[in-house]
Amino acid sequence: MTINFKTGDITRENVCAIVNAANSSCMGGGGVDGAIHRAGGPTILEECKRIRRERLPDGLPTGQAVATNAGAMPAKYVIHTVGPIWGRCGTQEECDRLLADAYRNSLQLAWELGCRSIAFSAISTGIYGFPKERAARIAYDTVRNFLKDHPEMEVTFIFHSDRNRTVFEEATGENRDW
């Protein structure tokens, strides 16, 4: 079981799949979502449009995941998942469950695609307002539980700043220098 923490650019990760913290439209947006669409190029958007047309006319539900190619990025796939918007889930427990679902469903989809390496950003902790420490514990516990049954998979949490990585490491009890 391998879990890594790293500061860097998820669009440059040499893994089988990167996870896009998408909005339900899957058509691109700001933050990580926009960066992935820009770095990957137009083929990602074209696949997203096809998925919306053929499978998800109402958009990708919170906690679910779909995959597209990664376009010009080193990864083979982009797994798009929608995390919950903090405070709009009904209860904190429902927000927690939906966030765990986003990680779990992304991991399961990567596994089904044959991926043994995957990179995540901190889903829902940006504009969606999920408290970072709480999100870190949920993400880490969900990944760790998944890896118990899939120990050959390598998971990297990648952050755009050392500060965000430190928050995550402290919340999970994993203090590592990279």
N, C-alpha and C. Protein backbone atom coordinates (compact mmCIF):
# COMPACT_ATOMS: atom_id res chain seq x y z
N MET A 1 0.85 -1.17 0.00
CA MET A 1 0.00 0.00 0.00
C MET A 1 0.90 1.23 0.00
N THR A 2 0.73 2.09 -1.02
CA THR A 2 1.55 3.28 -1.12
C THR A 2 0.67 4.51 -1.24
N ILE A 3 0.86 5.45 -0.31
CA ILE A 3 0.18 6.75 -0.35
C ILE A 3 1.27 7.81 -0.26
N ASN A 4 1.31 8.69 -1.25
CA ASN A 4 2.30 9.77 -1.29
C ASN A 4 1.62 11.13 -1.15
N PHE A 5 2.36 12.08 -0.61
CA PHE A 5 1.92 13.48 -0.52
C PHE A 5 2.97 14.31 -1.24
N LYS A 6 2.51 15.26 -2.04
CA LYS A 6 3.44 15.98 -2.89
C LYS A 6 2.89 17.36 -3.22
N THR A 7 3.79 18.32 -3.37
CA THR A 7 3.41 19.63 -3.87
C THR A 7 3.80 19.67 -5.34
N GLY A 8 2.89 20.13 -6.18
CA GLY A 8 3.21 20.18 -7.61
C GLY A 8 2.00 20.47 -8.47
N ASP A 9 2.09 20.06 -9.71
CA ASP A 9 1.07 20.31 -10.72
C ASP A 9 0.48 18.97 -11.15
N ILE A 10 -0.76 18.73 -10.81
CA ILE A 10 -1.39 17.44 -11.11
C ILE A 10 -1.41 17.14 -12.60
N THR A 11 -1.42 18.18 -13.43
CA THR A 11 -1.48 17.96 -14.88
C THR A 11 -0.17 17.41 -15.43
N ARG A 12 0.88 17.42 -14.62
CA ARG A 12 2.19 16.92 -15.07
C ARG A 12 2.55 15.57 -14.44
N GLU A 13 1.63 15.01 -13.66
CA GLU A 13 1.91 13.75 -12.98
C GLU A 13 1.96 12.58 -13.97
N ASN A 14 2.98 11.77 -13.83
CA ASN A 14 3.14 10.60 -14.68
C ASN A 14 2.52 9.40 -13.97
N VAL A 15 1.19 9.36 -13.97
CA VAL A 15 0.40 8.29 -13.38
C VAL A 15 -0.60 7.82 -14.43
N CYS A 16 -1.24 6.72 -14.16
CA CYS A 16 -2.24 6.22 -15.11
C CYS A 16 -3.46 7.14 -15.17
N ALA A 17 -3.90 7.63 -14.00
CA ALA A 17 -5.09 8.48 -13.96
C ALA A 17 -4.90 9.64 -13.00
N ILE A 18 -5.40 10.79 -13.40
CA ILE A 18 -5.50 11.92 -12.48
C ILE A 18 -6.98 12.18 -12.25
N VAL A 19 -7.30 12.67 -11.07
CA VAL A 19 -8.70 12.92 -10.72
C VAL A 19 -8.98 14.41 -10.81
N ASN A 20 -10.00 14.73 -11.56
CA ASN A 20 -10.44 16.10 -11.75
C ASN A 20 -11.58 16.40 -10.78
N ALA A 21 -11.37 17.40 -9.93
CA ALA A 21 -12.44 17.88 -9.06
C ALA A 21 -13.35 18.74 -9.93
N ALA A 22 -14.27 18.09 -10.60
CA ALA A 22 -15.10 18.70 -11.63
C ALA A 22 -16.37 19.30 -11.05
N ASN A 23 -17.05 20.10 -11.86
CA ASN A 23 -18.41 20.49 -11.54
C ASN A 23 -19.33 19.52 -12.27
N SER A 24 -20.60 19.56 -11.98
CA SER A 24 -21.51 18.54 -12.52
C SER A 24 -21.65 18.61 -14.04
N SER A 25 -21.33 19.74 -14.65
CA SER A 25 -21.43 19.83 -16.11
C SER A 25 -20.31 19.08 -16.81
N CYS A 26 -19.19 18.90 -16.14
CA CYS A 26 -17.98 18.26 -16.71
C CYS A 26 -17.44 19.03 -17.91
N MET A 27 -17.78 20.28 -18.02
CA MET A 27 -17.36 21.06 -19.19
C MET A 27 -16.21 22.01 -18.89
N GLY A 28 -15.55 21.80 -17.78
CA GLY A 28 -14.44 22.68 -17.42
C GLY A 28 -14.93 23.76 -16.46
N GLY A 29 -14.01 24.42 -15.85
CA GLY A 29 -14.34 25.47 -14.90
C GLY A 29 -13.08 26.12 -14.41
N GLY A 30 -13.07 26.48 -13.15
CA GLY A 30 -11.90 27.12 -12.57
C GLY A 30 -11.05 26.12 -11.82
N GLY A 31 -10.04 26.59 -11.16
CA GLY A 31 -9.19 25.77 -10.31
C GLY A 31 -8.59 24.59 -11.02
N VAL A 32 -8.56 23.45 -10.35
CA VAL A 32 -7.98 22.22 -10.90
C VAL A 32 -8.72 21.82 -12.18
N ASP A 33 -10.03 21.95 -12.17
CA ASP A 33 -10.85 21.58 -13.33
C ASP A 33 -10.40 22.34 -14.57
N GLY A 34 -10.28 23.64 -14.47
CA GLY A 34 -9.84 24.46 -15.60
C GLY A 34 -8.43 24.12 -16.04
N ALA A 35 -7.53 23.91 -15.06
CA ALA A 35 -6.14 23.58 -15.37
C ALA A 35 -6.05 22.26 -16.14
N ILE A 36 -6.84 21.28 -15.74
CA ILE A 36 -6.83 19.98 -16.42
C ILE A 36 -7.35 20.12 -17.85
N HIS A 37 -8.44 20.84 -18.04
CA HIS A 37 -8.98 21.02 -19.39
C HIS A 37 -7.99 21.78 -20.27
N ARG A 38 -7.33 22.80 -19.72
CA ARG A 38 -6.35 23.55 -20.52
C ARG A 38 -5.15 22.68 -20.88
N ALA A 39 -4.62 21.96 -19.90
CA ALA A 39 -3.42 21.16 -20.14
C ALA A 39 -3.69 19.96 -21.05
N GLY A 40 -4.86 19.38 -20.94
CA GLY A 40 -5.19 18.20 -21.73
C GLY A 40 -5.60 18.51 -23.15
N GLY A 41 -6.15 19.69 -23.35
CA GLY A 41 -6.58 20.07 -24.68
C GLY A 41 -8.02 19.70 -24.98
N PRO A 42 -8.46 19.95 -26.20
CA PRO A 42 -9.87 19.84 -26.56
C PRO A 42 -10.45 18.43 -26.56
N THR A 43 -9.63 17.39 -26.61
CA THR A 43 -10.19 16.03 -26.65
C THR A 43 -10.92 15.69 -25.36
N ILE A 44 -10.48 16.25 -24.24
CA ILE A 44 -11.17 16.00 -22.96
C ILE A 44 -12.58 16.58 -23.01
N LEU A 45 -12.69 17.81 -23.45
CA LEU A 45 -14.00 18.45 -23.54
C LEU A 45 -14.91 17.70 -24.50
N GLU A 46 -14.37 17.25 -25.62
CA GLU A 46 -15.18 16.50 -26.59
C GLU A 46 -15.72 15.22 -25.97
N GLU A 47 -14.89 14.50 -25.21
CA GLU A 47 -15.38 13.29 -24.54
C GLU A 47 -16.41 13.63 -23.47
N CYS A 48 -16.19 14.72 -22.76
CA CYS A 48 -17.17 15.14 -21.74
C CYS A 48 -18.51 15.45 -22.39
N LYS A 49 -18.49 16.13 -23.52
CA LYS A 49 -19.73 16.43 -24.23
C LYS A 49 -20.44 15.15 -24.65
N ARG A 50 -19.67 14.18 -25.13
CA ARG A 50 -20.26 12.90 -25.55
C ARG A 50 -20.89 12.18 -24.35
N ILE A 51 -20.18 12.16 -23.23
CA ILE A 51 -20.70 11.52 -22.02
C ILE A 51 -22.00 12.19 -21.58
N ARG A 52 -22.03 13.52 -21.61
CA ARG A 52 -23.25 14.24 -21.23
C ARG A 52 -24.39 13.90 -22.17
N ARG A 53 -24.10 13.87 -23.45
CA ARG A 53 -25.12 13.59 -24.46
C ARG A 53 -25.66 12.16 -24.34
N GLU A 54 -24.76 11.19 -24.15
CA GLU A 54 -25.14 9.79 -24.21
C GLU A 54 -25.53 9.18 -22.87
N ARG A 55 -24.92 9.65 -21.78
CA ARG A 55 -25.12 8.97 -20.49
C ARG A 55 -25.61 9.85 -19.37
N LEU A 56 -25.23 11.11 -19.37
CA LEU A 56 -25.53 11.98 -18.22
C LEU A 56 -26.12 13.32 -18.65
N PRO A 57 -27.30 13.30 -19.25
CA PRO A 57 -27.87 14.56 -19.74
C PRO A 57 -28.11 15.60 -18.65
N ASP A 58 -28.30 15.15 -17.42
CA ASP A 58 -28.53 16.07 -16.31
C ASP A 58 -27.25 16.41 -15.55
N GLY A 59 -26.12 15.91 -16.02
CA GLY A 59 -24.85 16.19 -15.37
C GLY A 59 -24.40 15.04 -14.48
N LEU A 60 -23.16 15.13 -14.04
CA LEU A 60 -22.57 14.10 -13.18
C LEU A 60 -23.01 14.34 -11.74
N PRO A 61 -23.67 13.35 -11.13
CA PRO A 61 -24.12 13.52 -9.74
C PRO A 61 -22.94 13.61 -8.76
N THR A 62 -23.14 14.33 -7.70
CA THR A 62 -22.14 14.45 -6.65
C THR A 62 -21.76 13.07 -6.13
N GLY A 63 -20.45 12.85 -6.02
CA GLY A 63 -19.94 11.59 -5.51
C GLY A 63 -19.69 10.52 -6.56
N GLN A 64 -20.17 10.74 -7.77
CA GLN A 64 -19.98 9.76 -8.85
C GLN A 64 -18.74 10.12 -9.66
N ALA A 65 -18.33 9.24 -10.56
CA ALA A 65 -17.12 9.46 -11.35
C ALA A 65 -17.28 8.90 -12.76
N VAL A 66 -16.69 9.59 -13.73
CA VAL A 66 -16.60 9.13 -15.12
C VAL A 66 -15.17 9.39 -15.60
N ALA A 67 -14.77 8.67 -16.64
CA ALA A 67 -13.41 8.82 -17.16
C ALA A 67 -13.41 9.28 -18.61
N THR A 68 -12.38 10.07 -18.92
CA THR A 68 -12.08 10.46 -20.30
C THR A 68 -10.60 10.20 -20.52
N ASN A 69 -10.16 10.39 -21.74
CA ASN A 69 -8.73 10.34 -22.00
C ASN A 69 -8.10 11.58 -21.36
N ALA A 70 -6.79 11.60 -21.29
CA ALA A 70 -6.09 12.74 -20.66
C ALA A 70 -5.50 13.70 -21.68
N GLY A 71 -5.82 13.50 -22.94
CA GLY A 71 -5.34 14.43 -23.96
C GLY A 71 -3.82 14.52 -23.98
N ALA A 72 -3.30 15.73 -23.90
CA ALA A 72 -1.86 15.99 -24.02
C ALA A 72 -1.09 15.79 -22.71
N MET A 73 -1.75 15.40 -21.65
CA MET A 73 -1.07 15.20 -20.37
C MET A 73 -0.39 13.84 -20.31
N PRO A 74 0.57 13.65 -19.40
CA PRO A 74 1.26 12.35 -19.29
C PRO A 74 0.35 11.21 -18.83
N ALA A 75 -0.68 11.50 -18.06
CA ALA A 75 -1.60 10.46 -17.60
C ALA A 75 -2.36 9.89 -18.80
N LYS A 76 -2.89 8.71 -18.62
CA LYS A 76 -3.70 8.07 -19.66
C LYS A 76 -5.16 8.51 -19.57
N TYR A 77 -5.64 8.66 -18.32
CA TYR A 77 -7.05 9.00 -18.09
C TYR A 77 -7.20 10.20 -17.17
N VAL A 78 -8.32 10.87 -17.33
CA VAL A 78 -8.81 11.84 -16.35
C VAL A 78 -10.10 11.25 -15.80
N ILE A 79 -10.14 11.12 -14.49
CA ILE A 79 -11.37 10.69 -13.84
C ILE A 79 -12.02 11.93 -13.25
N HIS A 80 -13.20 12.23 -13.74
CA HIS A 80 -13.94 13.42 -13.32
C HIS A 80 -14.88 13.01 -12.19
N THR A 81 -14.83 13.72 -11.08
CA THR A 81 -15.74 13.46 -9.98
C THR A 81 -16.22 14.79 -9.42
N VAL A 82 -17.41 14.78 -8.89
CA VAL A 82 -17.99 16.00 -8.30
C VAL A 82 -18.03 15.81 -6.80
N GLY A 83 -17.32 16.67 -6.10
CA GLY A 83 -17.37 16.65 -4.65
C GLY A 83 -18.53 17.50 -4.15
N PRO A 84 -18.88 17.33 -2.89
CA PRO A 84 -19.99 18.10 -2.32
C PRO A 84 -19.61 19.55 -2.04
N ILE A 85 -20.60 20.40 -2.10
CA ILE A 85 -20.43 21.80 -1.69
C ILE A 85 -20.78 21.86 -0.20
N TRP A 86 -19.81 22.26 0.60
CA TRP A 86 -19.99 22.30 2.05
C TRP A 86 -21.18 23.18 2.41
N GLY A 87 -22.03 22.66 3.26
CA GLY A 87 -23.20 23.41 3.71
C GLY A 87 -24.42 23.23 2.84
N ARG A 88 -24.30 22.54 1.73
CA ARG A 88 -25.45 22.32 0.84
C ARG A 88 -25.83 20.85 0.72
N CYS A 89 -25.40 20.06 1.67
CA CYS A 89 -25.62 18.61 1.61
C CYS A 89 -26.78 18.16 2.50
N GLY A 90 -27.35 19.04 3.23
CA GLY A 90 -28.37 18.65 4.20
C GLY A 90 -27.74 18.57 5.58
N THR A 91 -26.85 17.61 5.77
CA THR A 91 -26.15 17.46 7.05
C THR A 91 -24.66 17.32 6.80
N GLN A 92 -23.87 17.52 7.86
CA GLN A 92 -22.42 17.32 7.73
C GLN A 92 -22.12 15.87 7.39
N GLU A 93 -22.88 14.96 7.96
CA GLU A 93 -22.66 13.55 7.68
C GLU A 93 -22.91 13.22 6.21
N GLU A 94 -23.90 13.86 5.61
CA GLU A 94 -24.18 13.65 4.19
C GLU A 94 -23.04 14.21 3.34
N CYS A 95 -22.53 15.38 3.71
CA CYS A 95 -21.36 15.94 3.00
C CYS A 95 -20.17 14.99 3.11
N ASP A 96 -19.95 14.46 4.30
CA ASP A 96 -18.85 13.52 4.51
C ASP A 96 -19.01 12.29 3.63
N ARG A 97 -20.22 11.74 3.59
CA ARG A 97 -20.48 10.55 2.78
C ARG A 97 -20.25 10.82 1.30
N LEU A 98 -20.73 11.96 0.82
CA LEU A 98 -20.57 12.30 -0.60
C LEU A 98 -19.10 12.50 -0.97
N LEU A 99 -18.34 13.10 -0.05
CA LEU A 99 -16.91 13.28 -0.33
C LEU A 99 -16.21 11.91 -0.38
N ALA A 100 -16.52 11.06 0.58
CA ALA A 100 -15.95 9.70 0.56
C ALA A 100 -16.34 8.97 -0.72
N ASP A 101 -17.59 9.13 -1.15
CA ASP A 101 -18.04 8.50 -2.39
C ASP A 101 -17.22 8.98 -3.59
N ALA A 102 -16.91 10.28 -3.64
CA ALA A 102 -16.13 10.83 -4.76
C ALA A 102 -14.76 10.15 -4.83
N TYR A 103 -14.10 9.99 -3.69
CA TYR A 103 -12.81 9.31 -3.67
C TYR A 103 -12.96 7.82 -4.00
N ARG A 104 -13.88 7.15 -3.34
CA ARG A 104 -14.06 5.71 -3.53
C ARG A 104 -14.44 5.37 -4.98
N ASN A 105 -15.38 6.12 -5.54
CA ASN A 105 -15.81 5.84 -6.91
C ASN A 105 -14.71 6.15 -7.92
N SER A 106 -13.89 7.15 -7.64
CA SER A 106 -12.76 7.45 -8.52
C SER A 106 -11.74 6.32 -8.48
N LEU A 107 -11.44 5.85 -7.28
CA LEU A 107 -10.51 4.73 -7.13
C LEU A 107 -11.03 3.47 -7.82
N GLN A 108 -12.31 3.18 -7.63
CA GLN A 108 -12.90 1.98 -8.24
C GLN A 108 -12.86 2.07 -9.76
N LEU A 109 -13.18 3.23 -10.30
CA LEU A 109 -13.16 3.40 -11.75
C LEU A 109 -11.73 3.25 -12.29
N ALA A 110 -10.77 3.84 -11.60
CA ALA A 110 -9.37 3.70 -12.01
C ALA A 110 -8.98 2.22 -12.02
N TRP A 111 -9.37 1.50 -10.99
CA TRP A 111 -9.06 0.07 -10.90
C TRP A 111 -9.67 -0.68 -12.08
N GLU A 112 -10.93 -0.38 -12.38
CA GLU A 112 -11.63 -1.05 -13.49
C GLU A 112 -10.97 -0.74 -14.84
N LEU A 113 -10.35 0.43 -14.95
CA LEU A 113 -9.64 0.81 -16.17
C LEU A 113 -8.24 0.19 -16.25
N GLY A 114 -7.85 -0.52 -15.21
CA GLY A 114 -6.55 -1.16 -15.19
C GLY A 114 -5.44 -0.29 -14.62
N CYS A 115 -5.80 0.83 -14.02
CA CYS A 115 -4.80 1.73 -13.45
C CYS A 115 -4.30 1.22 -12.11
N ARG A 116 -3.02 1.37 -11.90
CA ARG A 116 -2.42 1.02 -10.61
C ARG A 116 -1.73 2.23 -9.99
N SER A 117 -1.89 3.40 -10.64
CA SER A 117 -1.38 4.65 -10.07
C SER A 117 -2.39 5.75 -10.38
N ILE A 118 -2.64 6.58 -9.37
CA ILE A 118 -3.65 7.62 -9.49
C ILE A 118 -3.24 8.82 -8.64
N ALA A 119 -3.55 10.01 -9.12
CA ALA A 119 -3.25 11.24 -8.38
C ALA A 119 -4.53 12.02 -8.12
N PHE A 120 -4.66 12.48 -6.89
CA PHE A 120 -5.80 13.28 -6.45
C PHE A 120 -5.33 14.67 -6.02
N SER A 121 -6.17 15.66 -6.27
CA SER A 121 -6.04 16.93 -5.57
C SER A 121 -6.98 16.84 -4.37
N ALA A 122 -7.09 17.91 -3.61
CA ALA A 122 -7.96 17.91 -2.43
C ALA A 122 -9.38 18.28 -2.87
N ILE A 123 -10.17 17.29 -3.18
CA ILE A 123 -11.52 17.48 -3.72
C ILE A 123 -12.39 18.27 -2.74
N SER A 124 -13.11 19.25 -3.28
CA SER A 124 -14.10 20.08 -2.56
C SER A 124 -13.52 21.10 -1.59
N THR A 125 -12.19 21.21 -1.48
CA THR A 125 -11.63 22.11 -0.47
C THR A 125 -11.36 23.52 -0.99
N GLY A 126 -11.56 23.75 -2.27
CA GLY A 126 -11.38 25.08 -2.84
C GLY A 126 -12.67 25.86 -2.75
N ILE A 127 -13.19 26.22 -3.89
CA ILE A 127 -14.41 27.05 -3.94
C ILE A 127 -15.62 26.35 -3.32
N TYR A 128 -15.60 25.01 -3.23
CA TYR A 128 -16.72 24.27 -2.64
C TYR A 128 -16.72 24.34 -1.11
N GLY A 129 -15.66 24.87 -0.51
CA GLY A 129 -15.64 25.24 0.90
C GLY A 129 -15.58 24.14 1.93
N PHE A 130 -15.30 22.91 1.53
CA PHE A 130 -15.22 21.82 2.51
C PHE A 130 -14.03 22.10 3.42
N PRO A 131 -14.21 22.04 4.74
CA PRO A 131 -13.08 22.29 5.65
C PRO A 131 -11.91 21.34 5.35
N LYS A 132 -10.74 21.91 5.15
CA LYS A 132 -9.60 21.13 4.67
C LYS A 132 -9.21 19.99 5.60
N GLU A 133 -9.18 20.25 6.90
CA GLU A 133 -8.77 19.19 7.83
C GLU A 133 -9.76 18.03 7.81
N ARG A 134 -11.03 18.35 7.77
CA ARG A 134 -12.07 17.33 7.74
C ARG A 134 -11.98 16.55 6.43
N ALA A 135 -11.82 17.27 5.32
CA ALA A 135 -11.71 16.62 4.01
C ALA A 135 -10.48 15.72 3.96
N ALA A 136 -9.38 16.16 4.56
CA ALA A 136 -8.15 15.36 4.57
C ALA A 136 -8.37 14.02 5.26
N ARG A 137 -9.01 14.05 6.41
CA ARG A 137 -9.24 12.80 7.14
C ARG A 137 -10.15 11.86 6.36
N ILE A 138 -11.19 12.41 5.75
CA ILE A 138 -12.12 11.58 4.96
C ILE A 138 -11.41 10.99 3.75
N ALA A 139 -10.67 11.82 3.04
CA ALA A 139 -9.97 11.35 1.85
C ALA A 139 -8.96 10.27 2.21
N TYR A 140 -8.16 10.52 3.22
CA TYR A 140 -7.11 9.58 3.61
C TYR A 140 -7.71 8.26 4.08
N ASP A 141 -8.73 8.32 4.92
CA ASP A 141 -9.35 7.10 5.42
C ASP A 141 -9.99 6.30 4.27
N THR A 142 -10.64 7.00 3.35
CA THR A 142 -11.28 6.32 2.21
C THR A 142 -10.23 5.63 1.34
N VAL A 143 -9.15 6.34 1.04
CA VAL A 143 -8.08 5.76 0.23
C VAL A 143 -7.44 4.58 0.95
N ARG A 144 -7.12 4.76 2.20
CA ARG A 144 -6.48 3.68 2.97
C ARG A 144 -7.37 2.42 3.00
N ASN A 145 -8.66 2.60 3.20
CA ASN A 145 -9.58 1.46 3.21
C ASN A 145 -9.63 0.77 1.84
N PHE A 146 -9.64 1.56 0.77
CA PHE A 146 -9.66 0.97 -0.57
C PHE A 146 -8.37 0.18 -0.82
N LEU A 147 -7.24 0.72 -0.38
CA LEU A 147 -5.95 0.07 -0.63
C LEU A 147 -5.77 -1.23 0.15
N LYS A 148 -6.56 -1.43 1.21
CA LYS A 148 -6.49 -2.71 1.92
C LYS A 148 -6.83 -3.87 0.99
N ASP A 149 -7.76 -3.63 0.07
CA ASP A 149 -8.16 -4.66 -0.88
C ASP A 149 -7.43 -4.55 -2.22
N HIS A 150 -6.68 -3.46 -2.41
CA HIS A 150 -5.97 -3.22 -3.67
C HIS A 150 -4.56 -2.70 -3.35
N PRO A 151 -3.75 -3.50 -2.65
CA PRO A 151 -2.46 -3.00 -2.14
C PRO A 151 -1.45 -2.65 -3.23
N GLU A 152 -1.66 -3.13 -4.44
CA GLU A 152 -0.71 -2.81 -5.51
C GLU A 152 -0.94 -1.44 -6.14
N MET A 153 -2.00 -0.75 -5.73
CA MET A 153 -2.27 0.58 -6.28
C MET A 153 -1.46 1.62 -5.51
N GLU A 154 -0.93 2.59 -6.25
CA GLU A 154 -0.21 3.71 -5.66
C GLU A 154 -1.04 4.97 -5.80
N VAL A 155 -1.25 5.67 -4.69
CA VAL A 155 -2.06 6.88 -4.68
C VAL A 155 -1.18 8.06 -4.28
N THR A 156 -1.28 9.14 -5.05
CA THR A 156 -0.56 10.37 -4.74
C THR A 156 -1.58 11.47 -4.53
N PHE A 157 -1.46 12.14 -3.40
CA PHE A 157 -2.21 13.37 -3.15
C PHE A 157 -1.27 14.50 -3.53
N ILE A 158 -1.70 15.33 -4.47
CA ILE A 158 -0.84 16.41 -4.94
C ILE A 158 -1.51 17.75 -4.69
N PHE A 159 -0.73 18.67 -4.14
CA PHE A 159 -1.26 19.97 -3.71
C PHE A 159 -0.53 21.09 -4.44
N HIS A 160 -1.21 22.18 -4.68
CA HIS A 160 -0.59 23.29 -5.39
C HIS A 160 0.31 24.14 -4.50
N SER A 161 0.26 23.92 -3.18
CA SER A 161 1.14 24.67 -2.28
C SER A 161 1.60 23.79 -1.13
N ASP A 162 2.78 24.12 -0.60
CA ASP A 162 3.29 23.40 0.58
C ASP A 162 2.35 23.58 1.76
N ARG A 163 1.74 24.74 1.86
CA ARG A 163 0.82 25.03 2.97
C ARG A 163 -0.36 24.05 2.97
N ASN A 164 -0.96 23.86 1.81
CA ASN A 164 -2.09 22.91 1.72
C ASN A 164 -1.64 21.49 1.99
N ARG A 165 -0.46 21.11 1.50
CA ARG A 165 0.06 19.77 1.78
C ARG A 165 0.26 19.58 3.28
N THR A 166 0.79 20.60 3.95
CA THR A 166 1.04 20.52 5.38
C THR A 166 -0.26 20.35 6.16
N VAL A 167 -1.30 21.08 5.78
CA VAL A 167 -2.60 20.94 6.44
C VAL A 167 -3.08 19.49 6.31
N PHE A 168 -2.94 18.93 5.14
CA PHE A 168 -3.37 17.56 4.89
C PHE A 168 -2.55 16.57 5.71
N GLU A 169 -1.23 16.73 5.68
CA GLU A 169 -0.36 15.82 6.42
C GLU A 169 -0.64 15.86 7.92
N GLU A 170 -0.82 17.06 8.46
CA GLU A 170 -1.09 17.18 9.89
C GLU A 170 -2.45 16.57 10.26
N ALA A 171 -3.44 16.76 9.41
CA ALA A 171 -4.78 16.23 9.70
C ALA A 171 -4.81 14.70 9.63
N THR A 172 -3.93 14.12 8.82
CA THR A 172 -3.93 12.66 8.66
C THR A 172 -2.85 11.99 9.51
N GLY A 173 -1.99 12.79 10.13
CA GLY A 173 -0.91 12.21 10.92
C GLY A 173 0.25 11.71 10.07
N GLU A 174 0.25 12.06 8.80
CA GLU A 174 1.32 11.65 7.90
C GLU A 174 2.22 12.85 7.64
N ASN A 175 3.31 12.94 8.34
CA ASN A 175 4.26 14.05 8.15
C ASN A 175 5.47 13.52 7.40
N ARG A 176 5.58 13.92 6.16
CA ARG A 176 6.66 13.44 5.32
C ARG A 176 7.30 14.63 4.60
N ASP A 177 8.57 14.57 4.40
CA ASP A 177 9.26 15.56 3.59
C ASP A 177 9.56 14.97 2.23
N TRP A 178 9.16 15.67 1.19
CA TRP A 178 9.42 15.19 -0.17
C TRP A 178 10.35 16.14 -0.86
